[in-house]
C-alpha atoms as a PDB file:
ATOM      1  CA  UNK A   1      -0.163   0.450   0.223  1.00  0.00           C
ATOM      2  CA  UNK A   2       1.219   3.801  -0.723  1.00  0.00           C
ATOM      3  CA  UNK A   3       2.448   6.299   1.384  1.00  0.00           C
ATOM      4  CA  UNK A   4      -1.056   8.455  -0.248  1.00  0.00           C
ATOM      5  CA  UNK A   5      -3.407   5.044   0.664  1.00  0.00           C
ATOM      6  CA  UNK A   6      -2.242   4.800   4.276  1.00  0.00           C
ATOM      7  CA  UNK A   7      -3.166   8.703   4.973  1.00  0.00           C
ATOM      8  CA  UNK A   8      -6.321   8.129   3.458  1.00  0.00           C
ATOM      9  CA  UNK A   9      -7.519   6.078   6.348  1.00  0.00           C
ATOM     10  CA  UNK A  10      -7.282   8.899   8.614  1.00  0.00           C
ATOM     11  CA  UNK A  11     -10.160   9.443  10.140  1.00  0.00           C
ATOM     12  CA  UNK A  12     -11.632  13.422  11.487  1.00  0.00           C
ATOM     13  CA  UNK A  13     -14.351  13.656  13.920  1.00  0.00           C
ATOM     14  CA  UNK A  14     -15.032  15.732  16.641  1.00  0.00           C
ATOM     15  CA  UNK A  15     -14.711  14.232  20.242  1.00  0.00           C
ATOM     16  CA  UNK A  16     -17.746  16.167  22.498  1.00  0.00           C
ATOM     17  CA  UNK A  17     -16.975  17.710  25.603  1.00  0.00           C
ATOM     18  CA  UNK A  18     -18.944  19.443  27.978  1.00  0.00           C
ATOM     19  CA  UNK A  19     -17.919  22.828  26.716  1.00  0.00           C
ATOM     20  CA  UNK A  20     -17.253  22.337  23.082  1.00  0.00           C
ATOM     21  CA  UNK A  21     -15.758  19.787  21.497  1.00  0.00           C
ATOM     22  CA  UNK A  22     -12.305  18.808  20.117  1.00  0.00           C
ATOM     23  CA  UNK A  23     -10.961  17.836  16.955  1.00  0.00           C
ATOM     24  CA  UNK A  24      -9.227  14.742  16.284  1.00  0.00           C
ATOM     25  CA  UNK A  25      -7.575  12.408  13.737  1.00  0.00           C
ATOM     26  CA  UNK A  26      -7.208   8.999  14.410  1.00  0.00           C
ATOM     27  CA  UNK A  27      -5.511   6.867  12.719  1.00  0.00           C
ATOM     28  CA  UNK A  28      -6.599   2.997  12.652  1.00  0.00           C
ATOM     29  CA  UNK A  29      -4.035   0.409  13.201  1.00  0.00           C
ATOM     30  CA  UNK A  30      -3.477  -1.510   9.901  1.00  0.00           C
ATOM     31  CA  UNK A  31      -3.842  -5.208  10.188  1.00  0.00           C
ATOM     32  CA  UNK A  32      -3.866  -6.954  13.617  1.00  0.00           C
ATOM     33  CA  UNK A  33      -3.770  -4.117  16.361  1.00  0.00           C
ATOM     34  CA  UNK A  34      -0.534  -3.754  18.475  1.00  0.00           C
ATOM     35  CA  UNK A  35      -1.843  -1.149  20.677  1.00  0.00           C
ATOM     36  CA  UNK A  36      -2.655   2.080  20.878  1.00  0.00           C
ATOM     37  CA  UNK A  37      -1.060   5.710  20.845  1.00  0.00           C
ATOM     38  CA  UNK A  38      -2.498   9.289  22.181  1.00  0.00           C
ATOM     39  CA  UNK A  39      -0.009  11.942  20.476  1.00  0.00           C
ATOM     40  CA  UNK A  40       0.315  15.068  23.211  1.00  0.00           C
ATOM     41  CA  UNK A  41       0.942  18.467  20.560  1.00  0.00           C
ATOM     42  CA  UNK A  42       3.663  20.937  21.442  1.00  0.00           C
ATOM     43  CA  UNK A  43       2.888  24.537  22.619  1.00  0.00           C
ATOM     44  CA  UNK A  44       1.017  27.495  20.824  1.00  0.00           C
ATOM     45  CA  UNK A  45       2.793  28.239  17.514  1.00  0.00           C
ATOM     46  CA  UNK A  46       5.212  24.748  17.874  1.00  0.00           C
ATOM     47  CA  UNK A  47       1.879  22.853  17.265  1.00  0.00           C
ATOM     48  CA  UNK A  48       1.176  24.371  13.892  1.00  0.00           C
ATOM     49  CA  UNK A  49       5.028  23.779  13.135  1.00  0.00           C
ATOM     50  CA  UNK A  50       5.178  20.366  13.971  1.00  0.00           C
ATOM     51  CA  UNK A  51       2.133  19.328  12.194  1.00  0.00           C
ATOM     52  CA  UNK A  52       3.564  17.350   9.072  1.00  0.00           C
ATOM     53  CA  UNK A  53       6.096  15.777  11.010  1.00  0.00           C
ATOM     54  CA  UNK A  54       4.144  14.528  13.617  1.00  0.00           C
ATOM     55  CA  UNK A  55       1.298  13.219  11.114  1.00  0.00           C
ATOM     56  CA  UNK A  56       4.153  11.510   8.670  1.00  0.00           C
ATOM     57  CA  UNK A  57       4.743   9.393  11.982  1.00  0.00           C
ATOM     58  CA  UNK A  58       1.487   9.008  13.178  1.00  0.00           C
ATOM     59  CA  UNK A  59       0.905   7.385   9.440  1.00  0.00           C
ATOM     60  CA  UNK A  60       3.729   5.182  10.243  1.00  0.00           C
ATOM     61  CA  UNK A  61       2.906   4.106  13.375  1.00  0.00           C
ATOM     62  CA  UNK A  62      -0.217   2.877  11.900  1.00  0.00           C
ATOM     63  CA  UNK A  63       1.430   0.919   9.501  1.00  0.00           C
ATOM     64  CA  UNK A  64       2.861  -0.737  12.522  1.00  0.00           C
ATOM     65  CA  UNK A  65      -0.567  -1.816  13.529  1.00  0.00           C
ATOM     66  CA  UNK A  66      -1.270   0.900  16.406  1.00  0.00           C
ATOM     67  CA  UNK A  67      -4.209   3.117  16.804  1.00  0.00           C
ATOM     68  CA  UNK A  68      -2.723   6.845  16.861  1.00  0.00           C
ATOM     69  CA  UNK A  69      -4.873   9.894  17.902  1.00  0.00           C
ATOM     70  CA  UNK A  70      -4.204  13.233  17.272  1.00  0.00           C
ATOM     71  CA  UNK A  71      -6.620  15.645  19.235  1.00  0.00           C
ATOM     72  CA  UNK A  72      -6.515  19.676  18.913  1.00  0.00           C
ATOM     73  CA  UNK A  73      -6.419  20.349  22.587  1.00  0.00           C
ATOM     74  CA  UNK A  74      -9.011  23.011  23.865  1.00  0.00           C
ATOM     75  CA  UNK A  75      -8.207  26.117  22.699  1.00  0.00           C
ATOM     76  CA  UNK A  76      -5.774  25.449  19.488  1.00  0.00           C
ATOM     77  CA  UNK A  77      -6.352  24.014  16.299  1.00  0.00           C
ATOM     78  CA  UNK A  78      -9.822  23.629  15.234  1.00  0.00           C
ATOM     79  CA  UNK A  79     -11.529  22.803  18.754  1.00  0.00           C
ATOM     80  CA  UNK A  80     -13.731  24.458  20.585  1.00  0.00           C
ATOM     81  CA  UNK A  81     -12.126  28.144  22.352  1.00  0.00           C
ATOM     82  CA  UNK A  82      -9.984  30.776  21.603  1.00  0.00           C
ATOM     83  CA  UNK A  83      -6.250  30.345  22.931  1.00  0.00           C
ATOM     84  CA  UNK A  84      -7.199  32.584  25.029  1.00  0.00           C
ATOM     85  CA  UNK A  85      -9.480  29.853  26.915  1.00  0.00           C
ATOM     86  CA  UNK A  86      -6.697  27.385  27.348  1.00  0.00           C
ATOM     87  CA  UNK A  87      -6.209  26.178  30.722  1.00  0.00           C
ATOM     88  CA  UNK A  88      -3.526  23.327  31.734  1.00  0.00           C
ATOM     89  CA  UNK A  89      -5.750  21.368  33.572  1.00  0.00           C
ATOM     90  CA  UNK A  90      -8.505  21.413  30.745  1.00  0.00           C
ATOM     91  CA  UNK A  91      -5.781  20.210  28.653  1.00  0.00           C
ATOM     92  CA  UNK A  92      -5.154  17.415  30.915  1.00  0.00           C
ATOM     93  CA  UNK A  93      -9.216  16.736  31.330  1.00  0.00           C
ATOM     94  CA  UNK A  94      -8.911  16.460  27.704  1.00  0.00           C
ATOM     95  CA  UNK A  95      -5.885  14.110  27.565  1.00  0.00           C
ATOM     96  CA  UNK A  96      -8.893  12.128  29.810  1.00  0.00           C
ATOM     97  CA  UNK A  97     -10.987  11.951  27.736  1.00  0.00           C
ATOM     98  CA  UNK A  98      -9.186  10.898  24.740  1.00  0.00           C
ATOM     99  CA  UNK A  99      -7.608   8.173  26.674  1.00  0.00           C
ATOM    100  CA  UNK A 100     -11.199   7.108  27.365  1.00  0.00           C
ATOM    101  CA  UNK A 101     -12.313   7.415  23.685  1.00  0.00           C
ATOM    102  CA  UNK A 102      -9.364   4.989  22.803  1.00  0.00           C
ATOM    103  CA  UNK A 103     -10.334   2.937  25.440  1.00  0.00           C
ATOM    104  CA  UNK A 104     -13.744   2.268  24.428  1.00  0.00           C
ATOM    105  CA  UNK A 105     -12.406   1.215  20.988  1.00  0.00           C
ATOM    106  CA  UNK A 106      -9.463  -0.946  21.966  1.00  0.00           C
ATOM    107  CA  UNK A 107      -8.595  -2.545  25.462  1.00  0.00           C
ATOM    108  CA  UNK A 108      -4.772  -1.686  25.154  1.00  0.00           C
ATOM    109  CA  UNK A 109      -3.272   0.696  27.671  1.00  0.00           C
ATOM    110  CA  UNK A 110      -2.724   3.998  25.877  1.00  0.00           C
ATOM    111  CA  UNK A 111       1.036   4.962  25.050  1.00  0.00           C
ATOM    112  CA  UNK A 112       1.533   8.703  25.664  1.00  0.00           C
ATOM    113  CA  UNK A 113       3.459  10.742  22.364  1.00  0.00           C
ATOM    114  CA  UNK A 114       4.760  14.012  23.729  1.00  0.00           C
ATOM    115  CA  UNK A 115       6.689  16.690  21.785  1.00  0.00           C
ATOM    116  CA  UNK A 116       8.286  19.743  23.840  1.00  0.00           C
ATOM    117  CA  UNK A 117       5.742  21.235  25.989  1.00  0.00           C
ATOM    118  CA  UNK A 118       3.267  18.444  25.106  1.00  0.00           C
ATOM    119  CA  UNK A 119       5.996  15.810  26.872  1.00  0.00           C
ATOM    120  CA  UNK A 120       5.958  17.911  30.049  1.00  0.00           C
ATOM    121  CA  UNK A 121       2.293  17.796  29.938  1.00  0.00           C
ATOM    122  CA  UNK A 122       1.946  14.153  29.021  1.00  0.00           C
ATOM    123  CA  UNK A 123       4.482  13.100  31.995  1.00  0.00           C
ATOM    124  CA  UNK A 124       2.004  15.814  34.696  1.00  0.00           C
ATOM    125  CA  UNK A 125      -1.123  14.055  33.080  1.00  0.00           C
ATOM    126  CA  UNK A 126       0.526  10.440  33.382  1.00  0.00           C
ATOM    127  CA  UNK A 127       1.233  11.129  37.373  1.00  0.00           C
ATOM    128  CA  UNK A 128      -2.424  10.920  38.405  1.00  0.00           C
ATOM    129  CA  UNK A 129      -4.098   8.991  35.715  1.00  0.00           C
ATOM    130  CA  UNK A 130      -6.962   7.505  36.699  1.00  0.00           C
ATOM    131  CA  UNK A 131      -5.773   4.787  34.557  1.00  0.00           C
ATOM    132  CA  UNK A 132      -2.650   2.898  33.358  1.00  0.00           C
ATOM    133  CA  UNK A 133      -0.126   3.734  31.057  1.00  0.00           C
ATOM    134  CA  UNK A 134       1.924   1.294  29.105  1.00  0.00           C
ATOM    135  CA  UNK A 135       4.542   3.778  27.919  1.00  0.00           C
ATOM    136  CA  UNK A 136       5.870   7.104  28.050  1.00  0.00           C
ATOM    137  CA  UNK A 137       7.310   8.531  24.590  1.00  0.00           C
ATOM    138  CA  UNK A 138       9.188  11.897  25.198  1.00  0.00           C
ATOM    139  CA  UNK A 139      10.099  13.897  21.916  1.00  0.00           C
ATOM    140  CA  UNK A 140      12.419  16.823  23.508  1.00  0.00           C
ATOM    141  CA  UNK A 141      10.901  17.385  26.769  1.00  0.00           C
ATOM    142  CA  UNK A 142      10.915  20.725  28.165  1.00  0.00           C
ATOM    143  CA  UNK A 143      13.141  20.116  31.013  1.00  0.00           C
ATOM    144  CA  UNK A 144      11.302  23.614  33.177  1.00  0.00           C
ATOM    145  CA  UNK A 145       7.863  25.555  32.725  1.00  0.00           C
ATOM    146  CA  UNK A 146       9.526  27.807  34.288  1.00  0.00           C
ATOM    147  CA  UNK A 147      12.315  28.071  31.241  1.00  0.00           C
ATOM    148  CA  UNK A 148      10.051  27.875  28.515  1.00  0.00           C
ATOM    149  CA  UNK A 149       7.712  30.245  29.642  1.00  0.00           C
ATOM    150  CA  UNK A 150      10.429  32.716  29.457  1.00  0.00           C
ATOM    151  CA  UNK A 151      11.640  31.531  26.379  1.00  0.00           C
ATOM    152  CA  UNK A 152       7.581  31.934  24.954  1.00  0.00           C
ATOM    153  CA  UNK A 153       8.042  35.619  27.132  1.00  0.00           C
ATOM    154  CA  UNK A 154      11.011  36.655  24.787  1.00  0.00           C
ATOM    155  CA  UNK A 155       9.379  36.007  21.643  1.00  0.00           C
ATOM    156  CA  UNK A 156       7.504  39.650  21.700  1.00  0.00           C
ATOM    157  CA  UNK A 157      10.648  41.805  23.296  1.00  0.00           C
ATOM    158  CA  UNK A 158      12.530  40.079  20.068  1.00  0.00           C
ATOM    159  CA  UNK A 159       9.789  40.827  17.660  1.00  0.00           C
ATOM    160  CA  UNK A 160       8.889  44.058  19.068  1.00  0.00           C
ATOM    161  CA  UNK A 161      13.480  44.972  18.577  1.00  0.00           C
ATOM    162  CA  UNK A 162      12.370  43.528  14.776  1.00  0.00           C
ATOM    163  CA  UNK A 163       9.720  45.854  14.438  1.00  0.00           C
ATOM    164  CA  UNK A 164      11.404  48.756  16.217  1.00  0.00           C
ATOM    165  CA  UNK A 165       8.489  49.523  18.531  1.00  0.00           C
ATOM    166  CA  UNK A 166      10.416  51.201  21.114  1.00  0.00           C
ATOM    167  CA  UNK A 167       6.996  51.175  22.785  1.00  0.00           C
ATOM    168  CA  UNK A 168       7.121  47.742  23.312  1.00  0.00           C
ATOM    169  CA  UNK A 169      10.444  46.713  24.508  1.00  0.00           C
ATOM    170  CA  UNK A 170       9.581  45.350  27.333  1.00  0.00           C
ATOM    171  CA  UNK A 171      11.853  42.827  29.562  1.00  0.00           C
ATOM    172  CA  UNK A 172      10.935  39.255  30.449  1.00  0.00           C
ATOM    173  CA  UNK A 173      10.440  40.534  34.157  1.00  0.00           C
ATOM    174  CA  UNK A 174       8.294  43.460  33.104  1.00  0.00           C
ATOM    175  CA  UNK A 175       5.924  41.023  30.965  1.00  0.00           C
ATOM    176  CA  UNK A 176       5.284  38.986  33.878  1.00  0.00           C
ATOM    177  CA  UNK A 177       4.471  41.690  36.293  1.00  0.00           C
ATOM    178  CA  UNK A 178       1.515  42.782  33.876  1.00  0.00           C
ATOM    179  CA  UNK A 179       0.655  38.553  33.620  1.00  0.00           C
ATOM    180  CA  UNK A 180       0.501  38.847  37.459  1.00  0.00           C
ATOM    181  CA  UNK A 181      -1.694  42.134  37.402  1.00  0.00           C
ATOM    182  CA  UNK A 182      -4.106  39.822  35.500  1.00  0.00           C
ATOM    183  CA  UNK A 183      -3.342  41.237  31.838  1.00  0.00           C
ATOM    184  CA  UNK A 184      -3.474  39.094  28.750  1.00  0.00           C
ATOM    185  CA  UNK A 185      -0.792  39.202  26.545  1.00  0.00           C
ATOM    186  CA  UNK A 186      -0.154  38.742  23.165  1.00  0.00           C
ATOM    187  CA  UNK A 187       2.853  36.697  22.098  1.00  0.00           C
ATOM    188  CA  UNK A 188       3.355  35.814  18.277  1.00  0.00           C
ATOM    189  CA  UNK A 189      -0.354  36.190  17.432  1.00  0.00           C
ATOM    190  CA  UNK A 190      -1.341  34.312  20.896  1.00  0.00           C
ATOM    191  CA  UNK A 191      -3.410  35.340  23.911  1.00  0.00           C
ATOM    192  CA  UNK A 192      -1.677  34.169  26.682  1.00  0.00           C
ATOM    193  CA  UNK A 193      -4.122  33.952  29.588  1.00  0.00           C
ATOM    194  CA  UNK A 194      -2.186  34.879  33.386  1.00  0.00           C
ATOM    195  CA  UNK A 195      -3.993  31.793  34.553  1.00  0.00           C
ATOM    196  CA  UNK A 196      -2.314  29.637  32.163  1.00  0.00           C
ATOM    197  CA  UNK A 197       1.234  31.363  32.195  1.00  0.00           C
ATOM    198  CA  UNK A 198       1.059  30.817  36.329  1.00  0.00           C
ATOM    199  CA  UNK A 199       0.754  27.015  35.607  1.00  0.00           C
ATOM    200  CA  UNK A 200       3.206  26.361  33.379  1.00  0.00           C
ATOM    201  CA  UNK A 201       5.587  28.852  35.283  1.00  0.00           C
ATOM    202  CA  UNK A 202       4.909  26.608  38.044  1.00  0.00           C
ATOM    203  CA  UNK A 203       5.243  23.080  36.664  1.00  0.00           C
ATOM    204  CA  UNK A 204       8.034  20.937  38.628  1.00  0.00           C
ATOM    205  CA  UNK A 205      11.310  20.863  36.749  1.00  0.00           C
ATOM    206  CA  UNK A 206      11.241  17.521  34.559  1.00  0.00           C
ATOM    207  CA  UNK A 207      13.890  15.737  37.046  1.00  0.00           C
ATOM    208  CA  UNK A 208      11.173  16.634  40.444  1.00  0.00           C
ATOM    209  CA  UNK A 209       8.817  13.895  38.519  1.00  0.00           C
ATOM    210  CA  UNK A 210       8.879  10.446  38.911  1.00  0.00           C
ATOM    211  CA  UNK A 211       7.488   8.506  35.863  1.00  0.00           C
ATOM    212  CA  UNK A 212       4.845   5.879  36.768  1.00  0.00           C
ATOM    213  CA  UNK A 213       5.469   3.569  33.879  1.00  0.00           C
ATOM    214  CA  UNK A 214       8.731   2.944  31.205  1.00  0.00           C
ATOM    215  CA  UNK A 215      10.093   6.356  29.416  1.00  0.00           C
ATOM    216  CA  UNK A 216      11.422   6.667  25.830  1.00  0.00           C
ATOM    217  CA  UNK A 217      12.784   9.948  25.343  1.00  0.00           C
ATOM    218  CA  UNK A 218      14.179  10.572  22.407  1.00  0.00           C
ATOM    219  CA  UNK A 219      16.700  13.503  22.759  1.00  0.00           C
ATOM    220  CA  UNK A 220      17.426  16.103  19.324  1.00  0.00           C
ATOM    221  CA  UNK A 221      19.652  18.302  20.941  1.00  0.00           C
ATOM    222  CA  UNK A 222      22.759  16.556  22.565  1.00  0.00           C
ATOM    223  CA  UNK A 223      25.963  18.379  24.002  1.00  0.00           C
ATOM    224  CA  UNK A 224      27.320  15.711  26.613  1.00  0.00           C
ATOM    225  CA  UNK A 225      26.807  12.904  28.008  1.00  0.00           C
ATOM    226  CA  UNK A 226      24.911  11.233  31.454  1.00  0.00           C
ATOM    227  CA  UNK A 227      26.157   8.365  33.189  1.00  0.00           C
ATOM    228  CA  UNK A 228      25.071   5.974  31.026  1.00  0.00           C
ATOM    229  CA  UNK A 229      26.780   7.269  28.551  1.00  0.00           C
ATOM    230  CA  UNK A 230      23.620   8.607  26.898  1.00  0.00           C
ATOM    231  CA  UNK A 231      24.303  12.401  24.903  1.00  0.00           C
ATOM    232  CA  UNK A 232      21.909  14.721  26.937  1.00  0.00           C
ATOM    233  CA  UNK A 233      22.487  18.570  27.650  1.00  0.00           C
ATOM    234  CA  UNK A 234      22.809  19.515  31.320  1.00  0.00           C
ATOM    235  CA  UNK A 235      18.963  19.903  32.507  1.00  0.00           C
ATOM    236  CA  UNK A 236      18.049  16.496  29.966  1.00  0.00           C
ATOM    237  CA  UNK A 237      21.274  14.720  32.035  1.00  0.00           C
ATOM    238  CA  UNK A 238      20.030  16.090  36.277  1.00  0.00           C
ATOM    239  CA  UNK A 239      16.394  14.508  34.702  1.00  0.00           C
ATOM    240  CA  UNK A 240      17.822  11.601  33.704  1.00  0.00           C
ATOM    241  CA  UNK A 241      19.955  10.759  37.008  1.00  0.00           C
ATOM    242  CA  UNK A 242      17.047  11.820  38.953  1.00  0.00           C
ATOM    243  CA  UNK A 243      14.770   9.088  37.496  1.00  0.00           C
ATOM    244  CA  UNK A 244      16.974   6.520  37.251  1.00  0.00           C
ATOM    245  CA  UNK A 245      18.009   7.389  41.469  1.00  0.00           C
ATOM    246  CA  UNK A 246      14.611   6.626  41.901  1.00  0.00           C
ATOM    247  CA  UNK A 247      14.086   3.247  39.589  1.00  0.00           C
ATOM    248  CA  UNK A 248      12.231   5.249  36.364  1.00  0.00           C
ATOM    249  CA  UNK A 249      12.425   2.993  33.391  1.00  0.00           C
ATOM    250  CA  UNK A 250      13.974   4.974  30.914  1.00  0.00           C
ATOM    251  CA  UNK A 251      15.732   4.598  27.635  1.00  0.00           C
ATOM    252  CA  UNK A 252      17.765   7.529  26.279  1.00  0.00           C
ATOM    253  CA  UNK A 253      17.405   7.581  22.236  1.00  0.00           C
ATOM    254  CA  UNK A 254      19.856  10.266  20.947  1.00  0.00           C
ATOM    255  CA  UNK A 255      18.656  11.317  17.153  1.00  0.00           C
ATOM    256  CA  UNK A 256      20.606  14.008  14.791  1.00  0.00           C
ATOM    257  CA  UNK A 257      17.498  15.768  14.279  1.00  0.00           C
ATOM    258  CA  UNK A 258      16.738  19.917  13.904  1.00  0.00           C
ATOM    259  CA  UNK A 259      14.155  21.607  16.012  1.00  0.00           C
ATOM    260  CA  UNK A 260      11.569  21.251  13.173  1.00  0.00           C
ATOM    261  CA  UNK A 261       9.279  22.625  15.751  1.00  0.00           C
ATOM    262  CA  UNK A 262      11.177  26.209  15.461  1.00  0.00           C
ATOM    263  CA  UNK A 263      11.525  25.825  11.679  1.00  0.00           C
ATOM    264  CA  UNK A 264       9.922  25.889   8.516  1.00  0.00           C
ATOM    265  CA  UNK A 265       7.881  23.449   5.814  1.00  0.00           C
ATOM    266  CA  UNK A 266      11.386  22.269   4.409  1.00  0.00           C
ATOM    267  CA  UNK A 267      12.568  20.312   7.027  1.00  0.00           C
ATOM    268  CA  UNK A 268      12.567  17.124   8.102  1.00  0.00           C
ATOM    269  CA  UNK A 269      13.005  14.695  10.960  1.00  0.00           C
ATOM    270  CA  UNK A 270      14.084  11.051   8.944  1.00  0.00           C
ATOM    271  CA  UNK A 271      16.219  10.140  11.595  1.00  0.00           C
ATOM    272  CA  UNK A 272      13.630  10.661  15.109  1.00  0.00           C
ATOM    273  CA  UNK A 273      10.823   8.754  12.613  1.00  0.00           C
ATOM    274  CA  UNK A 274      13.009   5.915  11.947  1.00  0.00           C
ATOM    275  CA  UNK A 275      14.152   5.692  15.381  1.00  0.00           C
ATOM    276  CA  UNK A 276      10.490   6.030  16.777  1.00  0.00           C
ATOM    277  CA  UNK A 277       9.128   3.767  14.367  1.00  0.00           C
ATOM    278  CA  UNK A 278      11.960   1.150  15.333  1.00  0.00           C
ATOM    279  CA  UNK A 279      10.846   1.074  18.773  1.00  0.00           C
ATOM    280  CA  UNK A 280       7.485   0.646  18.183  1.00  0.00           C
ATOM    281  CA  UNK A 281       7.628  -2.245  15.605  1.00  0.00           C
ATOM    282  CA  UNK A 282      10.042  -3.951  17.654  1.00  0.00           C
ATOM    283  CA  UNK A 283       8.006  -3.482  20.785  1.00  0.00           C
ATOM    284  CA  UNK A 284      10.495  -2.253  22.872  1.00  0.00           C
ATOM    285  CA  UNK A 285       8.422  -0.560  24.949  1.00  0.00           C
ATOM    286  CA  UNK A 286       9.049  -2.103  28.309  1.00  0.00           C
ATOM    287  CA  UNK A 287      12.560  -2.132  27.761  1.00  0.00           C
END
């Protein structure tokens, strides 16, 4: 079967929620079902820039026998609500609803597959999930919500400098103060509500989490080696060491891959797609 035929099998639908509906794309498993996977998208514009790669990976996983669900979380994409209405706890409720939808159709504990801030959301959800999880697939997880929010806020300052708009050239400290005062900030075309910003800011750093299931960490920004010999930048290495000290079942997969979530359409991720597909093909999730 050609790649186009595989893509044609994806099923778009709206998952009804009490406050609206979530747009979802479901890739049914081909052949005998080997499991189900829930994609947890990254934040703001990173979600849009990663769509092509995520969809390509979903199709490959479906071809391997996995049912893959790709939702737009509340307030994002084609789901109900505006980005200004988005809340961290609401997104976790959305993940629960998606897991329930999958569970009604295929009797397998889901794998959560998260990218960037979506990886941290998947991990946060997993620690209090009311159901079992088979594994976590973390693509370039954000290691600190606070640092990530600072980076996101910095976009406004950088854009103001590029536009030579002196009235908008404020630092992240001033932007945080505005959020704490209750102001909604427009950052890169996204209206950031203070409640969502505060929730991201208050997230425990990655090393303070304890994964409740096997974790496969795909790291694409390698700098130094951790104790197990994998290549990790310092923040990620600290998290990996902390998890292993608490006997977490962790496997790190260094891959040569550009930051496609921050790049244009022409950037691919062949090594990442191949490594993820190989893991699922060989059914090494439980390692």
